[in-house]
C-alpha atoms as a PDB file:
ATOM      1  CA  MET A   1      -1.153  18.609  33.543  1.00  0.00           C
ATOM      2  CA  VAL A   2      -0.875  17.099  36.997  1.00  0.00           C
ATOM      3  CA  PHE A   3       2.838  16.231  37.257  1.00  0.00           C
ATOM      4  CA  VAL A   4       6.118  16.775  35.412  1.00  0.00           C
ATOM      5  CA  ASP A   5       9.116  14.531  36.122  1.00  0.00           C
ATOM      6  CA  LEU A   6      12.074  16.802  35.381  1.00  0.00           C
ATOM      7  CA  PRO A   7      15.550  15.681  34.294  1.00  0.00           C
ATOM      8  CA  GLU A   8      18.601  16.216  36.489  1.00  0.00           C
ATOM      9  CA  VAL A   9      20.683  19.349  35.947  1.00  0.00           C
ATOM     10  CA  GLY A  10      24.026  18.233  34.547  1.00  0.00           C
ATOM     11  CA  ALA A  11      22.592  15.178  32.805  1.00  0.00           C
ATOM     12  CA  ALA A  12      23.781  14.496  29.266  1.00  0.00           C
ATOM     13  CA  VAL A  13      20.974  13.921  26.755  1.00  0.00           C
ATOM     14  CA  GLU A  14      20.903  12.757  23.159  1.00  0.00           C
ATOM     15  CA  ALA A  15      18.564  14.214  20.541  1.00  0.00           C
ATOM     16  CA  GLY A  16      15.393  12.143  20.417  1.00  0.00           C
ATOM     17  CA  ALA A  17      15.976  10.409  23.756  1.00  0.00           C
ATOM     18  CA  ASP A  18      13.328  10.643  26.460  1.00  0.00           C
ATOM     19  CA  CYS A  19      14.497  12.904  29.276  1.00  0.00           C
ATOM     20  CA  ALA A  20      11.339  13.962  31.146  1.00  0.00           C
ATOM     21  CA  VAL A  21       7.747  12.824  31.672  1.00  0.00           C
ATOM     22  CA  ALA A  22       4.530  14.852  31.626  1.00  0.00           C
ATOM     23  CA  GLU A  23       1.506  13.333  33.338  1.00  0.00           C
ATOM     24  CA  SER A  24      -2.093  14.373  32.842  1.00  0.00           C
ATOM     25  CA  VAL A  25      -5.204  12.868  34.391  1.00  0.00           C
ATOM     26  CA  LYS A  26      -5.511  10.494  31.430  1.00  0.00           C
ATOM     27  CA  ALA A  27      -1.928   9.575  30.481  1.00  0.00           C
ATOM     28  CA  ALA A  28       1.805   9.920  31.026  1.00  0.00           C
ATOM     29  CA  SER A  29       3.876  11.045  28.050  1.00  0.00           C
ATOM     30  CA  ASP A  30       7.615  11.014  27.521  1.00  0.00           C
ATOM     31  CA  ILE A  31       9.261  14.304  26.605  1.00  0.00           C
ATOM     32  CA  TYR A  32      12.122  13.919  24.161  1.00  0.00           C
ATOM     33  CA  ALA A  33      15.264  16.026  23.938  1.00  0.00           C
ATOM     34  CA  PRO A  34      15.129  18.173  20.802  1.00  0.00           C
ATOM     35  CA  ILE A  35      18.939  18.347  20.613  1.00  0.00           C
ATOM     36  CA  SER A  36      21.960  16.649  22.178  1.00  0.00           C
ATOM     37  CA  GLY A  37      23.713  18.365  25.049  1.00  0.00           C
ATOM     38  CA  GLU A  38      23.719  18.965  28.786  1.00  0.00           C
ATOM     39  CA  ILE A  39      20.709  19.905  30.918  1.00  0.00           C
ATOM     40  CA  VAL A  40      21.743  23.247  32.425  1.00  0.00           C
ATOM     41  CA  ALA A  41      18.456  24.280  34.076  1.00  0.00           C
ATOM     42  CA  VAL A  42      15.044  22.868  34.947  1.00  0.00           C
ATOM     43  CA  ASN A  43      11.866  24.751  35.828  1.00  0.00           C
ATOM     44  CA  ASP A  44      11.375  23.860  39.488  1.00  0.00           C
ATOM     45  CA  GLU A  45       8.125  25.885  39.506  1.00  0.00           C
ATOM     46  CA  LEU A  46       6.553  22.917  37.725  1.00  0.00           C
ATOM     47  CA  ASN A  47       6.897  20.840  40.906  1.00  0.00           C
ATOM     48  CA  ASP A  48       4.167  22.968  42.509  1.00  0.00           C
ATOM     49  CA  SER A  49       2.402  24.216  39.357  1.00  0.00           C
ATOM     50  CA  PRO A  50       2.667  21.671  36.522  1.00  0.00           C
ATOM     51  CA  GLU A  51      -0.313  23.291  34.795  1.00  0.00           C
ATOM     52  CA  LEU A  52       2.050  26.088  33.686  1.00  0.00           C
ATOM     53  CA  VAL A  53       3.117  23.798  30.830  1.00  0.00           C
ATOM     54  CA  ASN A  54      -0.360  24.268  29.333  1.00  0.00           C
ATOM     55  CA  SER A  55      -1.267  27.753  30.527  1.00  0.00           C
ATOM     56  CA  GLU A  56       2.077  29.481  29.831  1.00  0.00           C
ATOM     57  CA  PRO A  57       3.968  27.340  27.282  1.00  0.00           C
ATOM     58  CA  TYR A  58       6.070  30.283  26.017  1.00  0.00           C
ATOM     59  CA  ALA A  59       6.729  31.843  29.428  1.00  0.00           C
ATOM     60  CA  GLY A  60       6.489  30.205  32.859  1.00  0.00           C
ATOM     61  CA  GLY A  61       5.758  26.738  31.473  1.00  0.00           C
ATOM     62  CA  TRP A  62       9.216  25.970  30.094  1.00  0.00           C
ATOM     63  CA  ILE A  63      10.500  22.553  31.193  1.00  0.00           C
ATOM     64  CA  PHE A  64      14.289  22.456  30.815  1.00  0.00           C
ATOM     65  CA  LYS A  65      17.198  24.197  29.098  1.00  0.00           C
ATOM     66  CA  ILE A  66      19.916  22.373  27.182  1.00  0.00           C
ATOM     67  CA  LYS A  67      23.446  23.544  26.382  1.00  0.00           C
ATOM     68  CA  ALA A  68      23.885  22.205  22.855  1.00  0.00           C
ATOM     69  CA  SER A  69      26.785  19.905  22.074  1.00  0.00           C
ATOM     70  CA  ASP A  70      26.222  20.388  18.319  1.00  0.00           C
ATOM     71  CA  GLU A  71      25.165  23.832  17.084  1.00  0.00           C
ATOM     72  CA  ALA A  72      24.037  22.325  13.764  1.00  0.00           C
ATOM     73  CA  GLN A  73      21.186  20.627  15.657  1.00  0.00           C
ATOM     74  CA  VAL A  74      20.068  24.016  16.991  1.00  0.00           C
ATOM     75  CA  ASP A  75      20.085  25.491  13.492  1.00  0.00           C
ATOM     76  CA  ALA A  76      17.876  22.618  12.286  1.00  0.00           C
ATOM     77  CA  LEU A  77      15.109  23.283  14.862  1.00  0.00           C
ATOM     78  CA  LEU A  78      11.809  24.784  13.734  1.00  0.00           C
ATOM     79  CA  ASP A  79      10.448  27.983  15.224  1.00  0.00           C
ATOM     80  CA  ALA A  80       6.774  28.145  16.237  1.00  0.00           C
ATOM     81  CA  THR A  81       5.647  29.533  12.871  1.00  0.00           C
ATOM     82  CA  ALA A  82       7.474  26.867  10.850  1.00  0.00           C
ATOM     83  CA  TYR A  83       6.143  24.108  13.111  1.00  0.00           C
ATOM     84  CA  GLU A  84       2.584  25.396  12.748  1.00  0.00           C
ATOM     85  CA  ALA A  85       2.994  25.386   8.948  1.00  0.00           C
ATOM     86  CA  LEU A  86       4.307  21.816   9.088  1.00  0.00           C
ATOM     87  CA  LEU A  87       1.226  20.707  11.028  1.00  0.00           C
ATOM     88  CA  GLU A  88      -1.093  22.399   8.548  1.00  0.00           C
ATOM     89  CA  ASP A  89       0.569  20.517   5.675  1.00  0.00           C
ATOM     90  CA  GLU A  90      -0.131  17.132   7.268  1.00  0.00           C
END
């Protein structure tokens, strides 16, 4: 990871809409909001250390936090174990 374009705190996002961009040496990829809501925090450490997304994905590599506008969307999210099982099934 060489750059992460973070969303603005306070921005409203819709589930499935692109709200950030992650750039590697080879490509730039949109990052989509997993739920609808308001961006309440971004990880400014990524401005200086974007590689944290890869090296610490469950700790220092978080990208943004969303305050959900619909709790049902939160309940429908997969945890890491369920997502891993989904990938194995494909």
